[in-house]
C-alpha cells in the first residue's frame, strides 16, 4: 500500500493554513471505515540538573572498578516528550479504496511554536508533521506521515 502526501508549500508560518493532497495507490482494494488526516506538533524538552551522589552509589561504582573522586556531584540530563498540538479531520467515509485522491486543509495555530531540529538555548526540539491514517476494520491501520516546516518570527 502506498500513501503519498503532497503539500502546497515547503514551509509555513504560524497561523497559516496547510493545503494538500493525499494520493492512495493501493495494491489491492481496501475496505476502510474512514480516512483521517491530522496535524501534530511534538515537543521534546531537555533538562540538565546536578545532584549529590549518595555514598552508597559511590561505593557501588568503586566496587565496579570505577574511580570516583570528591566532590561526589553528578550532572544528568532528562528528556521529556509531549504532544503540543493535534488537529484531526475525516477526509473520507466508509468505502472501498484503491487509487484515490483527496484534498485537505489544516490550520497551524497562531500561538504555536516554530520548528526546531536541535536542542537550542531553550533546550527544546519542536517537530510538526501531517499524518494520514486509513482506518481498516479488523486489520492494521495504514499510516503515513510527512514533516512540515513551521518558521518562527
N, C-alpha and C. Protein backbone atom coordinates (compact mmCIF):
# COMPACT_ATOMS: atom_id res chain seq x y z
N UNK A 1 0.84 -1.18 0.00
CA UNK A 1 0.00 0.00 0.00
C UNK A 1 0.88 1.24 0.00
N UNK A 2 0.52 2.18 -0.79
CA UNK A 2 1.29 3.42 -0.86
C UNK A 2 0.38 4.62 -0.64
N UNK A 3 0.79 5.46 0.28
CA UNK A 3 0.10 6.73 0.53
C UNK A 3 1.13 7.82 0.29
N UNK A 4 0.77 8.81 -0.53
CA UNK A 4 1.64 9.95 -0.79
C UNK A 4 0.94 11.20 -0.28
N UNK A 5 1.67 12.01 0.47
CA UNK A 5 1.14 13.27 0.98
C UNK A 5 1.85 14.40 0.25
N UNK A 6 1.10 15.21 -0.48
CA UNK A 6 1.65 16.35 -1.21
C UNK A 6 1.14 17.62 -0.55
N UNK A 7 2.07 18.54 -0.24
CA UNK A 7 1.70 19.80 0.40
C UNK A 7 1.86 20.95 -0.59
N UNK A 8 1.08 22.02 -0.41
CA UNK A 8 1.10 23.15 -1.34
C UNK A 8 2.36 24.00 -1.24
N UNK A 9 3.08 23.95 -0.09
CA UNK A 9 4.30 24.73 0.09
C UNK A 9 5.34 23.89 0.83
N UNK A 10 6.58 24.34 0.81
CA UNK A 10 7.64 23.64 1.54
C UNK A 10 7.77 24.13 2.97
N UNK A 11 7.29 25.33 3.26
CA UNK A 11 7.37 25.89 4.60
C UNK A 11 6.17 26.75 4.90
N UNK A 12 5.85 26.88 6.17
CA UNK A 12 4.67 27.63 6.61
C UNK A 12 5.05 28.54 7.77
N UNK A 13 4.19 29.51 8.04
CA UNK A 13 4.32 30.39 9.19
C UNK A 13 3.21 30.08 10.18
N UNK A 14 3.40 30.51 11.42
CA UNK A 14 2.35 30.34 12.41
C UNK A 14 1.09 31.06 11.93
N UNK A 15 -0.05 30.41 12.06
CA UNK A 15 -1.31 30.98 11.60
C UNK A 15 -1.67 30.63 10.16
N UNK A 16 -0.75 30.02 9.41
CA UNK A 16 -1.03 29.64 8.02
C UNK A 16 -1.94 28.43 7.96
N UNK A 17 -2.47 28.22 6.76
CA UNK A 17 -3.28 27.04 6.50
C UNK A 17 -2.49 26.10 5.60
N UNK A 18 -2.42 24.84 5.97
CA UNK A 18 -1.75 23.83 5.16
C UNK A 18 -2.79 23.23 4.23
N UNK A 19 -2.52 23.31 2.94
CA UNK A 19 -3.40 22.67 1.96
C UNK A 19 -2.61 21.57 1.29
N UNK A 20 -3.27 20.45 1.08
CA UNK A 20 -2.54 19.34 0.49
C UNK A 20 -3.44 18.31 -0.15
N UNK A 21 -2.80 17.30 -0.69
CA UNK A 21 -3.47 16.21 -1.38
C UNK A 21 -2.94 14.89 -0.84
N UNK A 22 -3.84 13.96 -0.61
CA UNK A 22 -3.48 12.60 -0.22
C UNK A 22 -3.76 11.72 -1.43
N UNK A 23 -2.72 11.02 -1.90
CA UNK A 23 -2.88 10.10 -3.02
C UNK A 23 -2.74 8.67 -2.51
N UNK A 24 -3.74 7.86 -2.79
CA UNK A 24 -3.69 6.45 -2.45
C UNK A 24 -3.40 5.66 -3.72
N UNK A 25 -2.41 4.79 -3.65
CA UNK A 25 -2.10 3.87 -4.74
C UNK A 25 -1.94 2.50 -4.09
N UNK A 26 -3.06 1.82 -3.91
CA UNK A 26 -3.09 0.57 -3.18
C UNK A 26 -2.97 -0.61 -4.13
N UNK A 27 -2.30 -1.67 -3.68
CA UNK A 27 -2.14 -2.87 -4.50
C UNK A 27 -3.44 -3.63 -4.64
N UNK A 28 -4.20 -3.69 -3.55
CA UNK A 28 -5.49 -4.37 -3.54
C UNK A 28 -6.53 -3.41 -2.96
N UNK A 29 -7.80 -3.58 -3.32
CA UNK A 29 -8.82 -2.72 -2.72
C UNK A 29 -8.85 -2.87 -1.20
N UNK A 30 -8.97 -1.76 -0.51
CA UNK A 30 -9.02 -1.76 0.95
C UNK A 30 -10.37 -1.23 1.41
N UNK A 31 -11.07 -2.05 2.18
CA UNK A 31 -12.35 -1.63 2.73
C UNK A 31 -12.07 -0.90 4.04
N UNK A 32 -12.35 0.39 4.08
CA UNK A 32 -11.98 1.21 5.23
C UNK A 32 -13.22 1.82 5.88
N UNK A 33 -13.11 2.02 7.20
CA UNK A 33 -14.16 2.73 7.93
C UNK A 33 -14.12 4.22 7.61
N UNK A 34 -12.89 4.73 7.49
CA UNK A 34 -12.70 6.15 7.22
C UNK A 34 -11.23 6.42 6.93
N UNK A 35 -10.97 7.61 6.37
CA UNK A 35 -9.60 8.08 6.16
C UNK A 35 -9.49 9.41 6.89
N UNK A 36 -8.46 9.52 7.73
CA UNK A 36 -8.25 10.72 8.54
C UNK A 36 -6.93 11.37 8.17
N UNK A 37 -6.90 12.70 8.26
CA UNK A 37 -5.66 13.45 8.15
C UNK A 37 -5.55 14.30 9.40
N UNK A 38 -4.33 14.39 9.94
CA UNK A 38 -4.16 15.14 11.18
C UNK A 38 -2.84 15.91 11.16
N UNK A 39 -2.83 17.00 11.93
CA UNK A 39 -1.64 17.82 12.09
C UNK A 39 -1.19 17.69 13.54
N UNK A 40 0.08 17.38 13.73
CA UNK A 40 0.64 17.17 15.06
C UNK A 40 1.84 18.09 15.28
N UNK A 41 2.01 18.50 16.53
CA UNK A 41 3.21 19.21 16.94
C UNK A 41 3.73 18.49 18.19
N UNK A 42 4.88 17.84 18.07
CA UNK A 42 5.50 17.15 19.19
C UNK A 42 6.69 17.98 19.68
N UNK A 43 6.85 18.00 20.98
CA UNK A 43 7.95 18.77 21.56
C UNK A 43 8.74 17.89 22.51
N UNK A 44 10.05 18.00 22.42
CA UNK A 44 10.95 17.36 23.37
C UNK A 44 11.65 18.47 24.14
N UNK A 45 11.74 18.29 25.45
CA UNK A 45 12.37 19.29 26.29
C UNK A 45 13.47 18.61 27.10
N UNK A 46 14.70 19.14 26.98
CA UNK A 46 15.84 18.57 27.70
C UNK A 46 16.16 19.45 28.90
N UNK A 47 16.28 18.80 30.06
CA UNK A 47 16.60 19.49 31.30
C UNK A 47 17.88 18.90 31.87
N UNK A 48 18.80 19.77 32.27
CA UNK A 48 20.02 19.32 32.95
C UNK A 48 19.87 19.67 34.42
N UNK A 49 20.29 18.74 35.26
CA UNK A 49 20.27 19.02 36.68
C UNK A 49 21.47 18.38 37.35
N UNK A 50 21.84 18.94 38.48
CA UNK A 50 23.00 18.49 39.24
C UNK A 50 22.50 17.90 40.55
N UNK A 51 23.08 16.76 40.91
CA UNK A 51 22.69 16.15 42.18
C UNK A 51 23.92 15.62 42.90
N UNK A 52 23.83 15.51 44.20
CA UNK A 52 24.88 14.91 45.00
C UNK A 52 24.72 13.40 44.95
N UNK A 53 25.82 12.71 44.71
CA UNK A 53 25.79 11.25 44.64
C UNK A 53 25.84 10.69 46.06
N UNK A 54 24.86 9.84 46.43
CA UNK A 54 24.90 9.23 47.77
C UNK A 54 26.12 8.32 47.92
N UNK A 55 26.60 8.16 49.13
CA UNK A 55 27.79 7.33 49.39
C UNK A 55 27.58 5.89 48.93
N UNK A 56 26.36 5.38 49.03
CA UNK A 56 26.09 4.00 48.56
C UNK A 56 26.39 3.87 47.07
N UNK A 57 26.00 4.89 46.30
CA UNK A 57 26.25 4.87 44.86
C UNK A 57 27.75 4.98 44.57
N UNK A 58 28.46 5.79 45.33
CA UNK A 58 29.91 5.93 45.16
C UNK A 58 30.59 4.59 45.41
N UNK A 59 30.19 3.92 46.49
CA UNK A 59 30.79 2.63 46.81
C UNK A 59 30.47 1.56 45.77
N UNK A 60 29.24 1.60 45.23
CA UNK A 60 28.87 0.66 44.16
C UNK A 60 29.77 0.84 42.94
N UNK A 61 29.99 2.10 42.55
CA UNK A 61 30.83 2.37 41.38
C UNK A 61 32.28 1.95 41.63
N UNK A 62 32.76 2.14 42.85
CA UNK A 62 34.12 1.72 43.19
C UNK A 62 34.25 0.20 43.13
N UNK A 63 33.22 -0.53 43.57
CA UNK A 63 33.22 -1.99 43.51
C UNK A 63 33.28 -2.47 42.06
N UNK A 64 32.70 -1.67 41.14
CA UNK A 64 32.74 -2.00 39.71
C UNK A 64 34.06 -1.58 39.06
N UNK A 65 34.95 -0.99 39.84
CA UNK A 65 36.25 -0.60 39.32
C UNK A 65 36.29 0.81 38.76
N UNK A 66 35.26 1.59 39.00
CA UNK A 66 35.22 2.97 38.51
C UNK A 66 35.78 3.89 39.58
N UNK A 67 36.69 4.77 39.20
CA UNK A 67 37.27 5.70 40.18
C UNK A 67 36.38 6.93 40.27
N UNK A 68 35.93 7.24 41.45
CA UNK A 68 35.11 8.41 41.70
C UNK A 68 35.85 9.26 42.73
N UNK A 69 36.07 10.53 42.38
CA UNK A 69 36.77 11.42 43.31
C UNK A 69 35.81 12.49 43.82
N UNK A 70 36.07 12.99 45.02
CA UNK A 70 35.21 14.05 45.56
C UNK A 70 35.37 15.32 44.73
N UNK A 71 34.43 16.21 44.68
CA UNK A 71 33.11 16.12 45.28
C UNK A 71 32.23 15.15 44.48
N UNK A 72 31.35 14.47 45.14
CA UNK A 72 30.51 13.45 44.52
C UNK A 72 29.25 14.10 43.94
N UNK A 73 29.47 14.81 42.84
CA UNK A 73 28.39 15.54 42.18
C UNK A 73 28.22 14.98 40.77
N UNK A 74 26.98 14.77 40.37
CA UNK A 74 26.68 14.21 39.05
C UNK A 74 25.77 15.17 38.30
N UNK A 75 26.10 15.42 37.02
CA UNK A 75 25.22 16.21 36.15
C UNK A 75 24.49 15.23 35.25
N UNK A 76 23.17 15.30 35.25
CA UNK A 76 22.36 14.38 34.45
C UNK A 76 21.41 15.16 33.56
N UNK A 77 20.98 14.50 32.49
CA UNK A 77 20.01 15.10 31.56
C UNK A 77 18.75 14.24 31.54
N UNK A 78 17.63 14.92 31.38
CA UNK A 78 16.35 14.23 31.28
C UNK A 78 15.62 14.83 30.09
N UNK A 79 15.11 13.96 29.20
CA UNK A 79 14.37 14.43 28.03
C UNK A 79 12.92 13.97 28.18
N UNK A 80 12.01 14.93 28.13
CA UNK A 80 10.58 14.65 28.22
C UNK A 80 9.93 15.00 26.89
N UNK A 81 8.96 14.20 26.48
CA UNK A 81 8.24 14.44 25.23
C UNK A 81 6.76 14.60 25.51
N UNK A 82 6.13 15.48 24.75
CA UNK A 82 4.67 15.58 24.81
C UNK A 82 4.14 16.18 23.52
N UNK A 83 2.87 15.94 23.30
CA UNK A 83 2.22 16.48 22.10
C UNK A 83 1.69 17.86 22.44
N UNK A 84 2.18 18.86 21.73
CA UNK A 84 1.81 20.25 21.99
C UNK A 84 0.52 20.63 21.27
N UNK A 85 0.28 20.03 20.10
CA UNK A 85 -0.90 20.38 19.30
C UNK A 85 -1.32 19.17 18.48
N UNK A 86 -2.65 19.03 18.29
CA UNK A 86 -3.20 17.93 17.49
C UNK A 86 -4.54 18.37 16.94
N UNK A 87 -4.70 18.26 15.62
CA UNK A 87 -5.98 18.51 14.96
C UNK A 87 -6.20 17.38 13.97
N UNK A 88 -7.39 16.79 13.98
CA UNK A 88 -7.68 15.67 13.09
C UNK A 88 -8.98 15.94 12.33
N UNK A 89 -8.97 15.59 11.03
CA UNK A 89 -10.16 15.74 10.20
C UNK A 89 -10.40 14.45 9.43
N UNK A 90 -11.66 14.14 9.27
CA UNK A 90 -12.06 12.98 8.46
C UNK A 90 -12.19 13.48 7.02
N UNK A 91 -11.43 12.87 6.10
CA UNK A 91 -11.48 13.33 4.71
C UNK A 91 -12.25 12.37 3.81
N UNK A 92 -12.57 11.16 4.30
CA UNK A 92 -13.37 10.21 3.52
C UNK A 92 -14.05 9.25 4.48
N UNK A 93 -15.23 8.81 4.11
CA UNK A 93 -16.01 7.91 4.94
C UNK A 93 -15.83 6.46 4.57
N UNK A 94 -16.77 5.63 5.02
CA UNK A 94 -16.70 4.19 4.81
C UNK A 94 -16.88 3.88 3.33
N UNK A 95 -15.90 3.13 2.79
CA UNK A 95 -15.93 2.78 1.36
C UNK A 95 -14.79 1.81 1.09
N UNK A 96 -14.71 1.35 -0.16
CA UNK A 96 -13.59 0.53 -0.61
C UNK A 96 -12.72 1.41 -1.49
N UNK A 97 -11.42 1.45 -1.17
CA UNK A 97 -10.50 2.37 -1.84
C UNK A 97 -9.40 1.60 -2.56
N UNK A 98 -8.97 2.16 -3.70
CA UNK A 98 -7.87 1.57 -4.46
C UNK A 98 -6.90 2.68 -4.88
N UNK A 99 -7.25 3.42 -5.92
CA UNK A 99 -6.47 4.58 -6.37
C UNK A 99 -7.35 5.81 -6.24
N UNK A 100 -7.07 6.61 -5.24
CA UNK A 100 -7.92 7.76 -4.93
C UNK A 100 -7.07 8.98 -4.65
N UNK A 101 -7.70 10.16 -4.71
CA UNK A 101 -7.07 11.42 -4.34
C UNK A 101 -8.03 12.22 -3.50
N UNK A 102 -7.53 12.80 -2.42
CA UNK A 102 -8.35 13.61 -1.52
C UNK A 102 -7.63 14.91 -1.21
N UNK A 103 -8.39 16.00 -1.16
CA UNK A 103 -7.85 17.31 -0.79
C UNK A 103 -8.11 17.53 0.70
N UNK A 104 -7.22 18.27 1.36
CA UNK A 104 -7.42 18.59 2.77
C UNK A 104 -6.82 19.95 3.07
N UNK A 105 -7.25 20.51 4.19
CA UNK A 105 -6.63 21.73 4.71
C UNK A 105 -6.67 21.66 6.23
N UNK A 106 -5.57 22.10 6.84
CA UNK A 106 -5.42 22.11 8.29
C UNK A 106 -4.77 23.43 8.69
N UNK A 107 -5.22 23.99 9.79
CA UNK A 107 -4.69 25.28 10.23
C UNK A 107 -3.61 25.14 11.30
N UNK A 108 -2.54 25.91 11.13
CA UNK A 108 -1.49 25.98 12.15
C UNK A 108 -1.89 27.10 13.11
N UNK A 109 -1.91 26.85 14.41
CA UNK A 109 -2.34 27.90 15.34
C UNK A 109 -1.34 29.07 15.37
N UNK A 110 -1.88 30.27 15.59
CA UNK A 110 -1.03 31.46 15.66
C UNK A 110 -0.11 31.44 16.87
N UNK A 111 -0.56 30.77 17.93
CA UNK A 111 0.24 30.73 19.16
C UNK A 111 1.09 29.46 19.26
N UNK A 112 1.28 28.78 18.12
CA UNK A 112 2.10 27.57 18.10
C UNK A 112 3.58 27.88 18.24
N UNK A 113 4.38 26.85 18.14
CA UNK A 113 5.83 27.02 18.26
C UNK A 113 6.49 26.68 16.93
N UNK A 114 7.52 27.41 16.55
CA UNK A 114 8.20 27.11 15.28
C UNK A 114 9.00 25.81 15.37
N UNK A 115 9.26 25.25 14.21
CA UNK A 115 10.06 24.03 14.11
C UNK A 115 11.48 24.29 14.58
N UNK A 116 12.03 23.38 15.35
CA UNK A 116 13.45 23.43 15.71
C UNK A 116 13.97 22.00 15.67
N UNK A 117 15.07 21.81 14.97
CA UNK A 117 15.62 20.48 14.73
C UNK A 117 16.61 20.03 15.80
N UNK A 118 17.20 20.98 16.52
CA UNK A 118 18.24 20.65 17.51
C UNK A 118 17.90 21.32 18.83
N UNK A 119 18.42 20.74 19.91
CA UNK A 119 18.25 21.37 21.21
C UNK A 119 19.03 22.68 21.20
N UNK A 120 18.34 23.79 21.32
CA UNK A 120 18.99 25.10 21.31
C UNK A 120 19.12 25.65 22.72
N UNK A 121 19.19 26.97 22.81
CA UNK A 121 19.35 27.64 24.10
C UNK A 121 18.17 27.37 25.04
N UNK A 122 16.99 27.09 24.46
CA UNK A 122 15.81 26.81 25.28
C UNK A 122 15.65 25.33 25.62
N UNK A 123 16.56 24.48 25.09
CA UNK A 123 16.52 23.05 25.40
C UNK A 123 15.34 22.32 24.81
N UNK A 124 14.82 22.80 23.66
CA UNK A 124 13.63 22.20 23.06
C UNK A 124 13.86 21.80 21.59
N UNK A 125 13.19 20.73 21.21
CA UNK A 125 13.06 20.35 19.79
C UNK A 125 11.56 20.34 19.52
N UNK A 126 11.15 21.01 18.45
CA UNK A 126 9.74 21.05 18.08
C UNK A 126 9.61 20.49 16.67
N UNK A 127 8.74 19.51 16.50
CA UNK A 127 8.56 18.86 15.21
C UNK A 127 7.07 18.88 14.84
N UNK A 128 6.77 19.39 13.65
CA UNK A 128 5.42 19.40 13.11
C UNK A 128 5.34 18.33 12.01
N UNK A 129 4.21 17.64 11.92
CA UNK A 129 4.02 16.70 10.82
C UNK A 129 2.54 16.47 10.55
N UNK A 130 2.25 16.11 9.29
CA UNK A 130 0.91 15.73 8.85
C UNK A 130 0.89 14.22 8.78
N UNK A 131 -0.18 13.63 9.30
CA UNK A 131 -0.30 12.17 9.32
C UNK A 131 -1.62 11.77 8.66
N UNK A 132 -1.56 10.73 7.82
CA UNK A 132 -2.75 10.18 7.19
C UNK A 132 -2.94 8.77 7.73
N UNK A 133 -4.19 8.46 8.08
CA UNK A 133 -4.50 7.13 8.61
C UNK A 133 -5.70 6.57 7.87
N UNK A 134 -5.55 5.34 7.34
CA UNK A 134 -6.67 4.62 6.77
C UNK A 134 -7.13 3.64 7.85
N UNK A 135 -8.32 3.85 8.36
CA UNK A 135 -8.88 3.03 9.43
C UNK A 135 -9.54 1.80 8.83
N UNK A 136 -8.86 0.66 8.93
CA UNK A 136 -9.33 -0.59 8.35
C UNK A 136 -9.84 -1.49 9.48
N UNK A 137 -11.12 -1.89 9.43
CA UNK A 137 -11.64 -2.73 10.50
C UNK A 137 -11.00 -4.12 10.51
N UNK A 138 -10.72 -4.64 11.70
CA UNK A 138 -10.18 -5.99 11.92
C UNK A 138 -8.85 -6.22 11.23
N UNK A 139 -8.09 -5.15 11.02
CA UNK A 139 -6.75 -5.26 10.42
C UNK A 139 -5.93 -4.07 10.90
N UNK A 140 -4.63 -4.11 10.62
CA UNK A 140 -3.76 -2.98 10.98
C UNK A 140 -4.11 -1.78 10.13
N UNK A 141 -4.20 -0.62 10.78
CA UNK A 141 -4.43 0.63 10.03
C UNK A 141 -3.19 0.95 9.22
N UNK A 142 -3.39 1.64 8.12
CA UNK A 142 -2.28 2.06 7.27
C UNK A 142 -2.03 3.53 7.57
N UNK A 143 -0.77 3.87 7.89
CA UNK A 143 -0.40 5.23 8.27
C UNK A 143 0.76 5.73 7.41
N UNK A 144 0.77 7.02 7.20
CA UNK A 144 1.89 7.69 6.54
C UNK A 144 1.98 9.08 7.12
N UNK A 145 3.20 9.61 7.25
CA UNK A 145 3.35 10.97 7.76
C UNK A 145 4.39 11.73 6.95
N UNK A 146 4.29 13.05 7.03
CA UNK A 146 5.21 13.93 6.31
C UNK A 146 5.52 15.11 7.23
N UNK A 147 6.83 15.40 7.37
CA UNK A 147 7.26 16.52 8.19
C UNK A 147 6.83 17.84 7.56
N UNK A 148 6.52 18.81 8.42
CA UNK A 148 6.10 20.15 7.98
C UNK A 148 7.03 21.14 8.67
N UNK A 149 7.60 22.06 7.91
CA UNK A 149 8.45 23.10 8.48
C UNK A 149 7.61 24.32 8.80
N UNK A 150 7.63 24.76 10.07
CA UNK A 150 6.92 25.95 10.50
C UNK A 150 7.95 26.96 10.98
N UNK A 151 8.01 28.11 10.29
CA UNK A 151 9.02 29.13 10.58
C UNK A 151 8.60 29.94 11.80
N UNK A 152 9.59 30.49 12.48
CA UNK A 152 9.35 31.34 13.65
C UNK A 152 9.40 32.80 13.26
N UNK A 153 9.38 33.66 14.26
CA UNK A 153 9.42 35.11 14.00
C UNK A 153 10.82 35.56 13.68
